[in-house]
Amino acid sequence: MEPATGLDSPLYEIKANLFKALAHPARIRILELLVAAGEPLPVSSLLETLGLEASLLSQHLRVLRQHHVVTSTRSGNAVTYQVSHPQIESLLLAARGFLLDHLAVQQRTLAMAAQL
């Protein structure tokens, strides 16, 4: 089934499908690498860094492309990828900030419980 991305889909469905596309650790790591690089990265570099099988990396990149999170450019046999929009970095940073805050609260709760 094709993800809801059309103009006839409610925005909340489109957002939900975007988050589904991001809902795999390998895809988050791919995005982190692309953002950190600040320039397009070749598939060979992603393969080397991630240590994934080529077919598995290809599947993850396809999902990210389908949801317009990354774009690709082919030059001969080489394919490079980059994030499709600068807000992808902001999205990753917001998620990181949320998680760090949540973990800090949990850590304080555990410290208080240990004192009882």
C-alpha atoms as a PDB file:
ATOM      1  CA  MET A   1       0.000   0.000   0.000  1.00  0.00           C
ATOM      2  CA  GLU A   2       1.344   3.417  -1.014  1.00  0.00           C
ATOM      3  CA  PRO A   3       1.921   5.912   1.830  1.00  0.00           C
ATOM      4  CA  ALA A   4      -0.511   8.796   2.255  1.00  0.00           C
ATOM      5  CA  THR A   5       1.343  11.732   0.759  1.00  0.00           C
ATOM      6  CA  GLY A   6      -1.186  13.273  -1.603  1.00  0.00           C
ATOM      7  CA  LEU A   7      -3.071  16.526  -1.353  1.00  0.00           C
ATOM      8  CA  ASP A   8      -6.268  14.591  -0.637  1.00  0.00           C
ATOM      9  CA  SER A   9      -4.796  13.050   2.540  1.00  0.00           C
ATOM     10  CA  PRO A  10      -5.169  14.833   5.878  1.00  0.00           C
ATOM     11  CA  LEU A  11      -1.905  16.306   7.141  1.00  0.00           C
ATOM     12  CA  TYR A  12      -1.952  14.100  10.243  1.00  0.00           C
ATOM     13  CA  GLU A  13      -1.931  10.977   8.017  1.00  0.00           C
ATOM     14  CA  ILE A  14       0.963  12.339   5.997  1.00  0.00           C
ATOM     15  CA  LYS A  15       2.856  13.105   9.225  1.00  0.00           C
ATOM     16  CA  ALA A  16       2.134   9.628  10.580  1.00  0.00           C
ATOM     17  CA  ASN A  17       3.566   8.081   7.415  1.00  0.00           C
ATOM     18  CA  LEU A  18       6.645  10.269   7.689  1.00  0.00           C
ATOM     19  CA  PHE A  19       7.209   9.019  11.242  1.00  0.00           C
ATOM     20  CA  LYS A  20       6.664   5.435  10.057  1.00  0.00           C
ATOM     21  CA  ALA A  21       9.403   6.010   7.488  1.00  0.00           C
ATOM     22  CA  LEU A  22      11.710   7.194  10.273  1.00  0.00           C
ATOM     23  CA  ALA A  23      10.760   4.343  12.608  1.00  0.00           C
ATOM     24  CA  HIS A  24      13.869   2.220  12.135  1.00  0.00           C
ATOM     25  CA  PRO A  25      17.247   2.723  13.828  1.00  0.00           C
ATOM     26  CA  ALA A  26      19.150   2.211  10.566  1.00  0.00           C
ATOM     27  CA  ARG A  27      17.148   4.943   8.825  1.00  0.00           C
ATOM     28  CA  ILE A  28      17.749   7.365  11.692  1.00  0.00           C
ATOM     29  CA  ARG A  29      21.470   6.555  11.558  1.00  0.00           C
ATOM     30  CA  ILE A  30      21.510   7.123   7.783  1.00  0.00           C
ATOM     31  CA  LEU A  31      19.963  10.550   8.305  1.00  0.00           C
ATOM     32  CA  GLU A  32      22.396  11.388  11.098  1.00  0.00           C
ATOM     33  CA  LEU A  33      25.316  10.510   8.831  1.00  0.00           C
ATOM     34  CA  LEU A  34      23.937  12.554   5.945  1.00  0.00           C
ATOM     35  CA  VAL A  35      23.280  15.578   8.172  1.00  0.00           C
ATOM     36  CA  ALA A  36      26.727  15.343   9.793  1.00  0.00           C
ATOM     37  CA  ALA A  37      28.423  15.133   6.405  1.00  0.00           C
ATOM     38  CA  GLY A  38      26.760  18.318   5.200  1.00  0.00           C
ATOM     39  CA  GLU A  39      27.178  17.097   1.645  1.00  0.00           C
ATOM     40  CA  PRO A  40      25.956  14.183  -0.459  1.00  0.00           C
ATOM     41  CA  LEU A  41      27.437  10.845   0.547  1.00  0.00           C
ATOM     42  CA  PRO A  42      28.032   7.932  -1.808  1.00  0.00           C
ATOM     43  CA  VAL A  43      26.323   4.647  -1.070  1.00  0.00           C
ATOM     44  CA  SER A  44      29.759   3.066  -0.647  1.00  0.00           C
ATOM     45  CA  SER A  45      30.491   5.415   2.261  1.00  0.00           C
ATOM     46  CA  LEU A  46      27.147   4.613   3.912  1.00  0.00           C
ATOM     47  CA  LEU A  47      27.782   0.882   3.464  1.00  0.00           C
ATOM     48  CA  GLU A  48      31.226   1.130   5.032  1.00  0.00           C
ATOM     49  CA  THR A  49      30.077   3.208   8.002  1.00  0.00           C
ATOM     50  CA  LEU A  50      26.859   1.332   8.726  1.00  0.00           C
ATOM     51  CA  GLY A  51      28.122  -2.194   8.080  1.00  0.00           C
ATOM     52  CA  LEU A  52      24.790  -3.213   6.533  1.00  0.00           C
ATOM     53  CA  GLU A  53      24.272  -5.582   3.640  1.00  0.00           C
ATOM     54  CA  ALA A  54      23.921  -3.641   0.391  1.00  0.00           C
ATOM     55  CA  SER A  55      20.398  -4.960  -0.197  1.00  0.00           C
ATOM     56  CA  LEU A  56      19.274  -3.896   3.291  1.00  0.00           C
ATOM     57  CA  LEU A  57      20.760  -0.412   2.906  1.00  0.00           C
ATOM     58  CA  SER A  58      19.043  -0.139  -0.459  1.00  0.00           C
ATOM     59  CA  GLN A  59      15.680  -0.972   1.141  1.00  0.00           C
ATOM     60  CA  HIS A  60      16.135   1.661   3.840  1.00  0.00           C
ATOM     61  CA  LEU A  61      17.180   4.290   1.305  1.00  0.00           C
ATOM     62  CA  ARG A  62      14.157   3.427  -0.842  1.00  0.00           C
ATOM     63  CA  VAL A  63      11.810   4.041   2.099  1.00  0.00           C
ATOM     64  CA  LEU A  64      13.467   7.381   2.812  1.00  0.00           C
ATOM     65  CA  ARG A  65      13.250   8.371  -0.872  1.00  0.00           C
ATOM     66  CA  GLN A  66       9.582   7.329  -1.106  1.00  0.00           C
ATOM     67  CA  HIS A  67       8.787   9.666   1.774  1.00  0.00           C
ATOM     68  CA  HIS A  68      10.878  12.484   0.278  1.00  0.00           C
ATOM     69  CA  VAL A  69      13.272  12.539   3.228  1.00  0.00           C
ATOM     70  CA  VAL A  70      16.361  12.006   1.062  1.00  0.00           C
ATOM     71  CA  THR A  71      17.219  12.609  -2.567  1.00  0.00           C
ATOM     72  CA  SER A  72      19.659  10.717  -4.729  1.00  0.00           C
ATOM     73  CA  THR A  73      21.897  11.618  -7.626  1.00  0.00           C
ATOM     74  CA  ARG A  74      23.417   9.125 -10.034  1.00  0.00           C
ATOM     75  CA  SER A  75      26.691   9.778 -11.798  1.00  0.00           C
ATOM     76  CA  GLY A  76      27.737   6.747 -13.822  1.00  0.00           C
ATOM     77  CA  ASN A  77      27.688   3.804 -11.412  1.00  0.00           C
ATOM     78  CA  ALA A  78      27.957   5.986  -8.310  1.00  0.00           C
ATOM     79  CA  VAL A  79      24.849   7.072  -6.396  1.00  0.00           C
ATOM     80  CA  THR A  80      24.986   9.747  -3.712  1.00  0.00           C
ATOM     81  CA  TYR A  81      22.353  10.652  -1.156  1.00  0.00           C
ATOM     82  CA  GLN A  82      21.561  13.777   0.798  1.00  0.00           C
ATOM     83  CA  VAL A  83      18.744  14.951   3.043  1.00  0.00           C
ATOM     84  CA  SER A  84      15.989  16.571   1.026  1.00  0.00           C
ATOM     85  CA  HIS A  85      15.345  19.517   3.328  1.00  0.00           C
ATOM     86  CA  PRO A  86      17.312  21.386   5.999  1.00  0.00           C
ATOM     87  CA  GLN A  87      14.476  20.844   8.492  1.00  0.00           C
ATOM     88  CA  ILE A  88      15.427  17.152   8.671  1.00  0.00           C
ATOM     89  CA  GLU A  89      18.347  18.202  10.871  1.00  0.00           C
ATOM     90  CA  SER A  90      15.975  20.196  13.091  1.00  0.00           C
ATOM     91  CA  LEU A  91      13.664  17.194  13.364  1.00  0.00           C
ATOM     92  CA  LEU A  92      16.544  14.960  14.490  1.00  0.00           C
ATOM     93  CA  LEU A  93      17.740  17.580  16.987  1.00  0.00           C
ATOM     94  CA  ALA A  94      14.224  18.003  18.394  1.00  0.00           C
ATOM     95  CA  ALA A  95      13.908  14.242  18.872  1.00  0.00           C
ATOM     96  CA  ARG A  96      17.319  14.123  20.560  1.00  0.00           C
ATOM     97  CA  GLY A  97      16.406  16.995  22.887  1.00  0.00           C
ATOM     98  CA  PHE A  98      13.109  15.372  23.810  1.00  0.00           C
ATOM     99  CA  LEU A  99      14.787  12.043  24.556  1.00  0.00           C
ATOM    100  CA  LEU A 100      17.608  13.577  26.596  1.00  0.00           C
ATOM    101  CA  ASP A 101      15.084  15.519  28.684  1.00  0.00           C
ATOM    102  CA  HIS A 102      12.997  12.388  29.198  1.00  0.00           C
ATOM    103  CA  LEU A 103      16.052  10.352  30.210  1.00  0.00           C
ATOM    104  CA  ALA A 104      17.130  13.064  32.657  1.00  0.00           C
ATOM    105  CA  VAL A 105      13.713  12.916  34.355  1.00  0.00           C
ATOM    106  CA  GLN A 106      13.924   9.125  34.553  1.00  0.00           C
ATOM    107  CA  GLN A 107      17.428   9.336  36.011  1.00  0.00           C
ATOM    108  CA  ARG A 108      16.261  11.764  38.717  1.00  0.00           C
ATOM    109  CA  THR A 109      13.287   9.523  39.500  1.00  0.00           C
ATOM    110  CA  LEU A 110      15.579   6.495  39.854  1.00  0.00           C
ATOM    111  CA  ALA A 111      17.960   8.461  42.092  1.00  0.00           C
ATOM    112  CA  MET A 112      15.055   9.495  44.340  1.00  0.00           C
ATOM    113  CA  ALA A 113      13.787   5.907  44.483  1.00  0.00           C
ATOM    114  CA  ALA A 114      17.245   4.647  45.439  1.00  0.00           C
ATOM    115  CA  GLN A 115      17.278   7.014  48.420  1.00  0.00           C
ATOM    116  CA  LEU A 116      14.082   5.511  49.863  1.00  0.00           C
END
